Every structure is written in structure tokens, then in C-alpha cells.
Amino acid sequence: MSAAVRVLEYNARVYRRTWRGGLVGTFLAPVLFLAAMGFGLGRFVDSAGSASSELAGVPYAAFIAPGLLAAQAMQTAGFTSTYPIMGRAVWDRIYHGMLATPITISGIVLGELGWIAVRLAIVTGAFLLVMAGFGLVRSPVGLLAIPAAALTGLAFAAPIVAFTATQRDDQAFNAIFRFGITPLFLFSGTFFPIDQLPAVIRPLAWITPLWHGVELARGLVLGRTDPAAALVHLAVLAAFVAGGTLAALVTFRRALVK
């Protein structure tokens, strides 16, 4: 664990020099999404009504906001677990320098995932703050949506980190975002209940980490949490994190230890 803390500290020191560049975007992105999709498009959705029970009595802005929160965590995880990891493993070979010290493979993997968790907490915390400013946090337990969204991001980050360690260049990353992140953003319950999807496609949404994260965050923010369902969502997300972490330990060792 001490090695993981050192790796996390390294990332924090790097971030201390660069955080100002992303500060505006961290707050601007949720403002734009909520203003355009939540309140702009939401006026038409609310006036038209919906046959879905999930939208009954819930303004569209309040429905979409926790979904966007979880989706933002997924997108942040996608970026932080691809190019920065490859940069340290292949281009700058920082991990090789770390391994020349008492830091181990497990320290590198756990430290990187720990730092990604910190970044996710910062981003989702800012997003929830904007949501509160718009009056879209409708329950005191909505604060728990921050760790719920961060866990959702980690459910993506851990497997992607494991995959990144197997790559020697960044050509495959476009496929991850084009055929993975973007379709999930659109069809995992972020913008509309998945009961509006064709029946043959719904099971695909059920097995994705984002759907579980969206449902968990939405229940917390709206105060509609079903404890049994929440436990299922947590278990699925934790399984993705655990499986991805174990895979990363293997792929990092193969990539860095000759």
C-alpha cells in the first residue's frame, strides 16, 4: 500500500501543476449539458408527457441530471485510463523508472486506480454541485451519488487500464470511444428509460456498468432508492472494478517486467 500511495502522490504532484487548465471545463460541461438537454429539450419532453413510469412526476431535467453525472464519470475514466497510462508505460517510460525503486507492479496499478478514483470524485463532486445549483438534487442522500458515480467510473477505468497496458500505440483508443463510450452514453438510460429500447436490446444495456451506475445515482438523487436494487448495482460495479484490477495486475506485469 505504501508503494500505491507513492504513485498516487506522484499523480497528485503532476496534477497540482495542471489543474487550472481543466477547472473551467469541469464546471462548464455540466452547466452546458444541463441547460441544453435538461432545461432546453426538457421543456418539450415535459410538455409532451411520457408513458414511462420512471418519468412520472419527475421533470426531465431532474431525470437526466444523475444520468449525465454517471456518464461524465465514465467519460472521465475513459480519458484518464488511456493516454496518460500509455504515456507513462510506453512514451515516457515512467513506470520503468518506478520499478527501479521499491515500487512494485501492484503499487503502480493500485496507485493509478486510486488516483483515477480521486479525479472521479473531483469531477463528479463539481457536477453534483452544479446540479444542486440548478435545484436538481431532490434528496439529502443525493450526496452519495458522488461515490456511486466514482465507482461507475472505476468500473470502466480498471478494465481499460488493463487493456491499455497491452497496447504499444494509441490506435485502439479511438475504437474504445467510438464503439464503446459513445454508444453507452446514448443507450444506457442516461437520456431515456431503457424500457423505451427494443426488447432485444435491453439485456445489452442491463449488463453494462453505466446502466447500473445511472440507476444507482438516479435513485439517490431523486430519493427513490430501492435497497435491494442498489445492492445489485453496487455488486455489479464492484465486480467490474475487481475483475479489471486483477487483469491489470497481469497485463502490467507482462508489459513492464521482462
C-alpha atoms as a PDB file:
ATOM      1  CA  MET A   1       0.000   0.000   0.000  1.00  0.00           C
ATOM      2  CA  SER A   2       2.878   2.389   0.670  1.00  0.00           C
ATOM      3  CA  ALA A   3       4.005   1.943  -2.951  1.00  0.00           C
ATOM      4  CA  ALA A   4       0.477   2.692  -4.172  1.00  0.00           C
ATOM      5  CA  VAL A   5       0.411   5.840  -2.040  1.00  0.00           C
ATOM      6  CA  ARG A   6       3.700   6.957  -3.626  1.00  0.00           C
ATOM      7  CA  VAL A   7       2.268   6.501  -7.116  1.00  0.00           C
ATOM      8  CA  LEU A   8      -0.871   8.385  -6.115  1.00  0.00           C
ATOM      9  CA  GLU A   9       1.307  11.148  -4.665  1.00  0.00           C
ATOM     10  CA  TYR A  10       3.233  11.382  -7.941  1.00  0.00           C
ATOM     11  CA  ASN A  11      -0.022  11.871  -9.853  1.00  0.00           C
ATOM     12  CA  ALA A  12      -1.207  14.483  -7.360  1.00  0.00           C
ATOM     13  CA  ARG A  13       2.037  16.443  -7.746  1.00  0.00           C
ATOM     14  CA  VAL A  14       1.665  16.409 -11.530  1.00  0.00           C
ATOM     15  CA  TYR A  15      -1.976  17.448 -11.265  1.00  0.00           C
ATOM     16  CA  ARG A  16      -1.036  20.314  -8.951  1.00  0.00           C
ATOM     17  CA  ARG A  17       0.705  21.935 -11.935  1.00  0.00           C
ATOM     18  CA  THR A  18      -2.098  21.349 -14.441  1.00  0.00           C
ATOM     19  CA  TRP A  19      -5.423  21.561 -12.580  1.00  0.00           C
ATOM     20  CA  ARG A  20      -6.106  25.186 -13.517  1.00  0.00           C
ATOM     21  CA  GLY A  21      -6.309  24.272 -17.191  1.00  0.00           C
ATOM     22  CA  GLY A  22      -9.259  21.951 -16.620  1.00  0.00           C
ATOM     23  CA  LEU A  23     -11.054  23.918 -13.912  1.00  0.00           C
ATOM     24  CA  VAL A  24     -13.338  25.869 -16.251  1.00  0.00           C
ATOM     25  CA  GLY A  25     -14.287  22.752 -18.221  1.00  0.00           C
ATOM     26  CA  THR A  26     -15.032  20.814 -15.044  1.00  0.00           C
ATOM     27  CA  PHE A  27     -17.815  23.247 -14.172  1.00  0.00           C
ATOM     28  CA  LEU A  28     -18.728  24.413 -17.680  1.00  0.00           C
ATOM     29  CA  ALA A  29     -19.542  20.958 -19.069  1.00  0.00           C
ATOM     30  CA  PRO A  30     -22.346  20.190 -16.568  1.00  0.00           C
ATOM     31  CA  VAL A  31     -23.753  23.704 -16.931  1.00  0.00           C
ATOM     32  CA  LEU A  32     -23.974  23.356 -20.716  1.00  0.00           C
ATOM     33  CA  PHE A  33     -25.367  19.819 -20.649  1.00  0.00           C
ATOM     34  CA  LEU A  34     -27.994  20.589 -18.022  1.00  0.00           C
ATOM     35  CA  ALA A  35     -29.002  23.884 -19.621  1.00  0.00           C
ATOM     36  CA  ALA A  36     -29.281  22.462 -23.146  1.00  0.00           C
ATOM     37  CA  MET A  37     -30.542  18.920 -22.542  1.00  0.00           C
ATOM     38  CA  GLY A  38     -32.159  19.241 -19.148  1.00  0.00           C
ATOM     39  CA  PHE A  39     -33.974  22.542 -19.468  1.00  0.00           C
ATOM     40  CA  GLY A  40     -33.927  23.186 -23.226  1.00  0.00           C
ATOM     41  CA  LEU A  41     -35.001  19.766 -24.507  1.00  0.00           C
ATOM     42  CA  GLY A  42     -36.690  19.121 -21.178  1.00  0.00           C
ATOM     43  CA  ARG A  43     -39.404  21.706 -21.897  1.00  0.00           C
ATOM     44  CA  PHE A  44     -40.580  19.702 -24.895  1.00  0.00           C
ATOM     45  CA  VAL A  45     -40.392  16.373 -23.048  1.00  0.00           C
ATOM     46  CA  ASP A  46     -42.287  17.694 -20.043  1.00  0.00           C
ATOM     47  CA  SER A  47     -44.981  19.300 -22.191  1.00  0.00           C
ATOM     48  CA  ALA A  48     -45.430  16.138 -24.280  1.00  0.00           C
ATOM     49  CA  GLY A  49     -45.569  13.816 -21.271  1.00  0.00           C
ATOM     50  CA  SER A  50     -44.226  10.264 -21.119  1.00  0.00           C
ATOM     51  CA  ALA A  51     -45.662   6.784 -20.903  1.00  0.00           C
ATOM     52  CA  SER A  52     -42.717   5.603 -18.805  1.00  0.00           C
ATOM     53  CA  SER A  53     -43.299   5.162 -15.070  1.00  0.00           C
ATOM     54  CA  GLU A  54     -39.726   6.352 -14.412  1.00  0.00           C
ATOM     55  CA  LEU A  55     -40.624   9.832 -15.646  1.00  0.00           C
ATOM     56  CA  ALA A  56     -43.927  10.023 -13.792  1.00  0.00           C
ATOM     57  CA  GLY A  57     -43.902  13.178 -11.677  1.00  0.00           C
ATOM     58  CA  VAL A  58     -40.225  13.870 -12.422  1.00  0.00           C
ATOM     59  CA  PRO A  59     -39.156  16.849 -14.562  1.00  0.00           C
ATOM     60  CA  TYR A  60     -36.916  15.775 -17.398  1.00  0.00           C
ATOM     61  CA  ALA A  61     -34.051  17.912 -16.088  1.00  0.00           C
ATOM     62  CA  ALA A  62     -34.175  16.078 -12.746  1.00  0.00           C
ATOM     63  CA  PHE A  63     -34.330  12.737 -14.570  1.00  0.00           C
ATOM     64  CA  ILE A  64     -31.424  13.394 -16.897  1.00  0.00           C
ATOM     65  CA  ALA A  65     -29.060  15.083 -14.409  1.00  0.00           C
ATOM     66  CA  PRO A  66     -27.971  11.977 -12.427  1.00  0.00           C
ATOM     67  CA  GLY A  67     -27.634  10.062 -15.686  1.00  0.00           C
ATOM     68  CA  LEU A  68     -25.290  12.724 -17.007  1.00  0.00           C
ATOM     69  CA  LEU A  69     -23.406  12.593 -13.699  1.00  0.00           C
ATOM     70  CA  ALA A  70     -22.682   8.878 -14.126  1.00  0.00           C
ATOM     71  CA  ALA A  71     -21.935   9.322 -17.833  1.00  0.00           C
ATOM     72  CA  GLN A  72     -19.457  12.101 -17.056  1.00  0.00           C
ATOM     73  CA  ALA A  73     -17.675   9.718 -14.692  1.00  0.00           C
ATOM     74  CA  MET A  74     -17.491   7.114 -17.469  1.00  0.00           C
ATOM     75  CA  GLN A  75     -16.058   9.605 -19.962  1.00  0.00           C
ATOM     76  CA  THR A  76     -13.523  10.944 -17.457  1.00  0.00           C
ATOM     77  CA  ALA A  77     -12.452   7.394 -16.658  1.00  0.00           C
ATOM     78  CA  GLY A  78     -12.052   6.647 -20.352  1.00  0.00           C
ATOM     79  CA  PHE A  79      -9.654   9.526 -20.906  1.00  0.00           C
ATOM     80  CA  THR A  80      -7.625   9.091 -17.704  1.00  0.00           C
ATOM     81  CA  SER A  81      -7.146   5.369 -18.225  1.00  0.00           C
ATOM     82  CA  THR A  82      -5.877   5.530 -21.803  1.00  0.00           C
ATOM     83  CA  TYR A  83      -3.444   8.245 -22.909  1.00  0.00           C
ATOM     84  CA  PRO A  84      -1.897   9.088 -19.512  1.00  0.00           C
ATOM     85  CA  ILE A  85      -1.320   5.385 -18.797  1.00  0.00           C
ATOM     86  CA  MET A  86       0.211   4.743 -22.207  1.00  0.00           C
ATOM     87  CA  GLY A  87       2.371   7.832 -21.858  1.00  0.00           C
ATOM     88  CA  ARG A  88       3.912   6.536 -18.650  1.00  0.00           C
ATOM     89  CA  ALA A  89       4.235   2.966 -19.894  1.00  0.00           C
ATOM     90  CA  VAL A  90       5.449   3.469 -23.480  1.00  0.00           C
ATOM     91  CA  TRP A  91       6.309   7.043 -24.414  1.00  0.00           C
ATOM     92  CA  ASP A  92       7.928   8.417 -21.243  1.00  0.00           C
ATOM     93  CA  ARG A  93       8.676   5.038 -19.604  1.00  0.00           C
ATOM     94  CA  ILE A  94       7.977   6.489 -16.180  1.00  0.00           C
ATOM     95  CA  TYR A  95       6.773   3.131 -14.901  1.00  0.00           C
ATOM     96  CA  HIS A  96      10.116   1.578 -15.778  1.00  0.00           C
ATOM     97  CA  GLY A  97      11.793   4.206 -13.617  1.00  0.00           C
ATOM     98  CA  MET A  98       9.365   3.453 -10.792  1.00  0.00           C
ATOM     99  CA  LEU A  99      10.189  -0.247 -10.960  1.00  0.00           C
ATOM    100  CA  ALA A 100      13.863   0.617 -10.429  1.00  0.00           C
ATOM    101  CA  THR A 101      12.794   1.712  -6.929  1.00  0.00           C
ATOM    102  CA  PRO A 102      10.979  -0.344  -4.272  1.00  0.00           C
ATOM    103  CA  ILE A 103       7.660   0.401  -6.053  1.00  0.00           C
ATOM    104  CA  THR A 104       6.072  -2.796  -7.376  1.00  0.00           C
ATOM    105  CA  ILE A 105       3.642  -3.651 -10.158  1.00  0.00           C
ATOM    106  CA  SER A 106       0.782  -3.851  -7.681  1.00  0.00           C
ATOM    107  CA  GLY A 107       1.815  -0.461  -6.321  1.00  0.00           C
ATOM    108  CA  ILE A 108       1.672   1.067  -9.792  1.00  0.00           C
ATOM    109  CA  VAL A 109      -1.725  -0.458 -10.632  1.00  0.00           C
ATOM    110  CA  LEU A 110      -3.364   0.347  -7.300  1.00  0.00           C
ATOM    111  CA  GLY A 111      -1.799   3.798  -7.208  1.00  0.00           C
ATOM    112  CA  GLU A 112      -3.055   4.659 -10.684  1.00  0.00           C
ATOM    113  CA  LEU A 113      -6.558   3.382  -9.943  1.00  0.00           C
ATOM    114  CA  GLY A 114      -6.509   5.240  -6.635  1.00  0.00           C
ATOM    115  CA  TRP A 115      -5.632   8.466  -8.430  1.00  0.00           C
ATOM    116  CA  ILE A 116      -8.345   7.886 -11.025  1.00  0.00           C
ATOM    117  CA  ALA A 117     -10.790   7.482  -8.117  1.00  0.00           C
ATOM    118  CA  VAL A 118      -9.643  10.850  -6.744  1.00  0.00           C
ATOM    119  CA  ARG A 119     -10.092  12.507 -10.140  1.00  0.00           C
ATOM    120  CA  LEU A 120     -13.541  10.983 -10.481  1.00  0.00           C
ATOM    121  CA  ALA A 121     -14.516  12.263  -7.041  1.00  0.00           C
ATOM    122  CA  ILE A 122     -13.390  15.784  -8.023  1.00  0.00           C
ATOM    123  CA  VAL A 123     -15.257  15.761 -11.341  1.00  0.00           C
ATOM    124  CA  THR A 124     -18.460  14.216 -10.001  1.00  0.00           C
ATOM    125  CA  GLY A 125     -18.361  16.473  -6.950  1.00  0.00           C
ATOM    126  CA  ALA A 126     -18.251  19.516  -9.225  1.00  0.00           C
ATOM    127  CA  PHE A 127     -21.070  18.085 -11.334  1.00  0.00           C
ATOM    128  CA  LEU A 128     -23.266  17.471  -8.288  1.00  0.00           C
ATOM    129  CA  LEU A 129     -22.545  20.997  -7.070  1.00  0.00           C
ATOM    130  CA  VAL A 130     -23.835  22.372 -10.383  1.00  0.00           C
ATOM    131  CA  MET A 131     -26.869  20.103 -10.136  1.00  0.00           C
ATOM    132  CA  ALA A 132     -27.592  21.460  -6.670  1.00  0.00           C
ATOM    133  CA  GLY A 133     -27.278  24.986  -8.019  1.00  0.00           C
ATOM    134  CA  PHE A 134     -29.985  24.166 -10.570  1.00  0.00           C
ATOM    135  CA  GLY A 135     -32.168  22.661  -7.811  1.00  0.00           C
ATOM    136  CA  LEU A 136     -31.907  19.134  -9.251  1.00  0.00           C
ATOM    137  CA  VAL A 137     -30.775  17.277  -6.116  1.00  0.00           C
ATOM    138  CA  ARG A 138     -34.093  16.215  -4.617  1.00  0.00           C
ATOM    139  CA  SER A 139     -32.922  14.111  -1.662  1.00  0.00           C
ATOM    140  CA  PRO A 140     -30.399  14.528   1.192  1.00  0.00           C
ATOM    141  CA  VAL A 141     -28.858  11.174   0.255  1.00  0.00           C
ATOM    142  CA  GLY A 142     -28.065  12.651  -3.148  1.00  0.00           C
ATOM    143  CA  LEU A 143     -24.579  13.388  -1.825  1.00  0.00           C
ATOM    144  CA  LEU A 144     -23.933   9.638  -2.038  1.00  0.00           C
ATOM    145  CA  ALA A 145     -24.226   9.963  -5.803  1.00  0.00           C
ATOM    146  CA  ILE A 146     -20.608  11.170  -5.787  1.00  0.00           C
ATOM    147  CA  PRO A 147     -19.118   7.827  -4.626  1.00  0.00           C
ATOM    148  CA  ALA A 148     -21.718   5.986  -6.729  1.00  0.00           C
ATOM    149  CA  ALA A 149     -20.626   7.842  -9.878  1.00  0.00           C
ATOM    150  CA  ALA A 150     -16.951   7.452  -8.970  1.00  0.00           C
ATOM    151  CA  LEU A 151     -17.474   3.693  -8.616  1.00  0.00           C
ATOM    152  CA  THR A 152     -19.144   3.710 -12.025  1.00  0.00           C
ATOM    153  CA  GLY A 153     -16.098   5.411 -13.497  1.00  0.00           C
ATOM    154  CA  LEU A 154     -13.769   2.903 -11.846  1.00  0.00           C
ATOM    155  CA  ALA A 155     -15.832   0.066 -13.326  1.00  0.00           C
ATOM    156  CA  PHE A 156     -14.691   1.378 -16.710  1.00  0.00           C
ATOM    157  CA  ALA A 157     -11.229   2.557 -15.708  1.00  0.00           C
ATOM    158  CA  ALA A 158      -9.948  -0.731 -14.303  1.00  0.00           C
ATOM    159  CA  PRO A 159     -10.628  -2.849 -17.434  1.00  0.00           C
ATOM    160  CA  ILE A 160      -9.445  -0.055 -19.746  1.00  0.00           C
ATOM    161  CA  VAL A 161      -6.209   0.357 -17.761  1.00  0.00           C
ATOM    162  CA  ALA A 162      -5.659  -3.398 -18.142  1.00  0.00           C
ATOM    163  CA  PHE A 163      -6.245  -3.116 -21.887  1.00  0.00           C
ATOM    164  CA  THR A 164      -4.005  -0.056 -22.257  1.00  0.00           C
ATOM    165  CA  ALA A 165      -1.086  -1.982 -20.792  1.00  0.00           C
ATOM    166  CA  THR A 166      -1.306  -4.427 -23.718  1.00  0.00           C
ATOM    167  CA  GLN A 167      -1.002  -1.697 -26.367  1.00  0.00           C
ATOM    168  CA  ARG A 168       2.139  -0.234 -27.889  1.00  0.00           C
ATOM    169  CA  ASP A 169       0.400   2.720 -29.578  1.00  0.00           C
ATOM    170  CA  ASP A 170      -2.866   4.650 -29.244  1.00  0.00           C
ATOM    171  CA  GLN A 171      -4.660   3.442 -32.388  1.00  0.00           C
ATOM    172  CA  ALA A 172      -7.118   1.257 -30.470  1.00  0.00           C
ATOM    173  CA  PHE A 173      -8.282   4.107 -28.240  1.00  0.00           C
ATOM    174  CA  ASN A 174     -10.443   5.614 -30.975  1.00  0.00           C
ATOM    175  CA  ALA A 175     -12.365   2.340 -31.151  1.00  0.00           C
ATOM    176  CA  ILE A 176     -12.945   2.388 -27.387  1.00  0.00           C
ATOM    177  CA  PHE A 177     -14.540   5.814 -27.531  1.00  0.00           C
ATOM    178  CA  ARG A 178     -16.331   5.371 -30.856  1.00  0.00           C
ATOM    179  CA  PHE A 179     -17.780   1.901 -30.310  1.00  0.00           C
ATOM    180  CA  GLY A 180     -17.820   1.734 -26.520  1.00  0.00           C
ATOM    181  CA  ILE A 181     -18.070   5.005 -24.634  1.00  0.00           C
ATOM    182  CA  THR A 182     -20.300   6.882 -27.097  1.00  0.00           C
ATOM    183  CA  PRO A 183     -22.963   4.158 -27.630  1.00  0.00           C
ATOM    184  CA  LEU A 184     -23.166   3.547 -23.886  1.00  0.00           C
ATOM    185  CA  PHE A 185     -23.575   7.265 -23.289  1.00  0.00           C
ATOM    186  CA  LEU A 186     -26.577   7.267 -25.629  1.00  0.00           C
ATOM    187  CA  PHE A 187     -28.266   3.944 -24.840  1.00  0.00           C
ATOM    188  CA  SER A 188     -27.699   3.110 -21.158  1.00  0.00           C
ATOM    189  CA  GLY A 189     -30.562   5.062 -19.618  1.00  0.00           C
ATOM    190  CA  THR A 190     -28.864   8.441 -19.488  1.00  0.00           C
ATOM    191  CA  PHE A 191     -31.388  10.278 -21.673  1.00  0.00           C
ATOM    192  CA  PHE A 192     -34.425   7.995 -21.536  1.00  0.00           C
ATOM    193  CA  PRO A 193     -35.544   4.872 -19.643  1.00  0.00           C
ATOM    194  CA  ILE A 194     -34.279   1.724 -21.285  1.00  0.00           C
ATOM    195  CA  ASP A 195     -37.808   0.327 -21.371  1.00  0.00           C
ATOM    196  CA  GLN A 196     -38.119   2.566 -24.447  1.00  0.00           C
ATOM    197  CA  LEU A 197     -35.497   0.447 -26.223  1.00  0.00           C
ATOM    198  CA  PRO A 198     -36.456  -2.578 -28.349  1.00  0.00           C
ATOM    199  CA  ALA A 199     -36.821  -5.674 -26.186  1.00  0.00           C
ATOM    200  CA  VAL A 200     -33.914  -7.456 -27.875  1.00  0.00           C
ATOM    201  CA  ILE A 201     -31.506  -4.635 -26.998  1.00  0.00           C
ATOM    202  CA  ARG A 202     -32.464  -4.105 -23.353  1.00  0.00           C
ATOM    203  CA  PRO A 203     -30.385  -7.028 -21.982  1.00  0.00           C
ATOM    204  CA  LEU A 204     -27.292  -5.419 -23.514  1.00  0.00           C
ATOM    205  CA  ALA A 205     -27.985  -2.273 -21.502  1.00  0.00           C
ATOM    206  CA  TRP A 206     -28.576  -4.283 -18.312  1.00  0.00           C
ATOM    207  CA  ILE A 207     -25.091  -5.804 -18.375  1.00  0.00           C
ATOM    208  CA  THR A 208     -23.246  -2.511 -18.881  1.00  0.00           C
ATOM    209  CA  PRO A 209     -21.653  -0.736 -15.917  1.00  0.00           C
ATOM    210  CA  LEU A 210     -23.117   2.600 -16.996  1.00  0.00           C
ATOM    211  CA  TRP A 211     -26.741   1.475 -16.694  1.00  0.00           C
ATOM    212  CA  HIS A 212     -26.108   0.255 -13.155  1.00  0.00           C
ATOM    213  CA  GLY A 213     -24.332   3.499 -12.327  1.00  0.00           C
ATOM    214  CA  VAL A 214     -27.105   5.625 -13.828  1.00  0.00           C
ATOM    215  CA  GLU A 215     -29.813   3.744 -11.944  1.00  0.00           C
ATOM    216  CA  LEU A 216     -27.887   3.940  -8.681  1.00  0.00           C
ATOM    217  CA  ALA A 217     -27.124   7.664  -8.991  1.00  0.00           C
ATOM    218  CA  ARG A 218     -30.641   8.472 -10.155  1.00  0.00           C
ATOM    219  CA  GLY A 219     -32.243   6.668  -7.231  1.00  0.00           C
ATOM    220  CA  LEU A 220     -30.007   8.511  -4.763  1.00  0.00           C
ATOM    221  CA  VAL A 221     -30.518  11.959  -6.283  1.00  0.00           C
ATOM    222  CA  LEU A 222     -34.296  11.550  -6.623  1.00  0.00           C
ATOM    223  CA  GLY A 223     -34.744   9.831  -3.270  1.00  0.00           C
ATOM    224  CA  ARG A 224     -36.190   6.726  -4.906  1.00  0.00           C
ATOM    225  CA  THR A 225     -33.555   4.191  -3.933  1.00  0.00           C
ATOM    226  CA  ASP A 226     -34.638   0.559  -3.651  1.00  0.00           C
ATOM    227  CA  PRO A 227     -32.129  -1.003  -1.186  1.00  0.00           C
ATOM    228  CA  ALA A 228     -32.211  -4.423  -2.871  1.00  0.00           C
ATOM    229  CA  ALA A 229     -31.714  -2.964  -6.347  1.00  0.00           C
ATOM    230  CA  ALA A 230     -28.974  -0.655  -5.041  1.00  0.00           C
ATOM    231  CA  LEU A 231     -27.069  -3.651  -3.658  1.00  0.00           C
ATOM    232  CA  VAL A 232     -27.283  -5.372  -7.035  1.00  0.00           C
ATOM    233  CA  HIS A 233     -25.991  -2.267  -8.798  1.00  0.00           C
ATOM    234  CA  LEU A 234     -23.125  -1.946  -6.295  1.00  0.00           C
ATOM    235  CA  ALA A 235     -22.232  -5.625  -6.659  1.00  0.00           C
ATOM    236  CA  VAL A 236     -22.074  -5.422 -10.454  1.00  0.00           C
ATOM    237  CA  LEU A 237     -19.939  -2.271 -10.406  1.00  0.00           C
ATOM    238  CA  ALA A 238     -17.620  -3.741  -7.764  1.00  0.00           C
ATOM    239  CA  ALA A 239     -17.250  -6.904  -9.867  1.00  0.00           C
ATOM    240  CA  PHE A 240     -16.122  -4.848 -12.872  1.00  0.00           C
ATOM    241  CA  VAL A 241     -13.615  -2.974 -10.690  1.00  0.00           C
ATOM    242  CA  ALA A 242     -12.249  -6.179  -9.138  1.00  0.00           C
ATOM    243  CA  GLY A 243     -12.038  -8.040 -12.442  1.00  0.00           C
ATOM    244  CA  GLY A 244     -10.376  -5.104 -14.181  1.00  0.00           C
ATOM    245  CA  THR A 245      -7.874  -4.665 -11.352  1.00  0.00           C
ATOM    246  CA  LEU A 246      -6.868  -8.336 -11.433  1.00  0.00           C
ATOM    247  CA  ALA A 247      -6.498  -8.166 -15.206  1.00  0.00           C
ATOM    248  CA  ALA A 248      -4.387  -5.002 -14.902  1.00  0.00           C
ATOM    249  CA  LEU A 249      -2.019  -6.695 -12.470  1.00  0.00           C
ATOM    250  CA  VAL A 250      -1.425  -9.389 -15.092  1.00  0.00           C
ATOM    251  CA  THR A 251      -1.112  -7.121 -18.145  1.00  0.00           C
ATOM    252  CA  PHE A 252       1.131  -4.607 -16.385  1.00  0.00           C
ATOM    253  CA  ARG A 253       3.478  -7.370 -15.269  1.00  0.00           C
ATOM    254  CA  ARG A 254       3.668  -8.759 -18.808  1.00  0.00           C
ATOM    255  CA  ALA A 255       4.272  -5.318 -20.277  1.00  0.00           C
ATOM    256  CA  LEU A 256       6.808  -3.964 -17.782  1.00  0.00           C
ATOM    257  CA  VAL A 257       8.683  -6.962 -16.377  1.00  0.00           C
ATOM    258  CA  LYS A 258      10.949  -8.578 -18.922  1.00  0.00           C
END
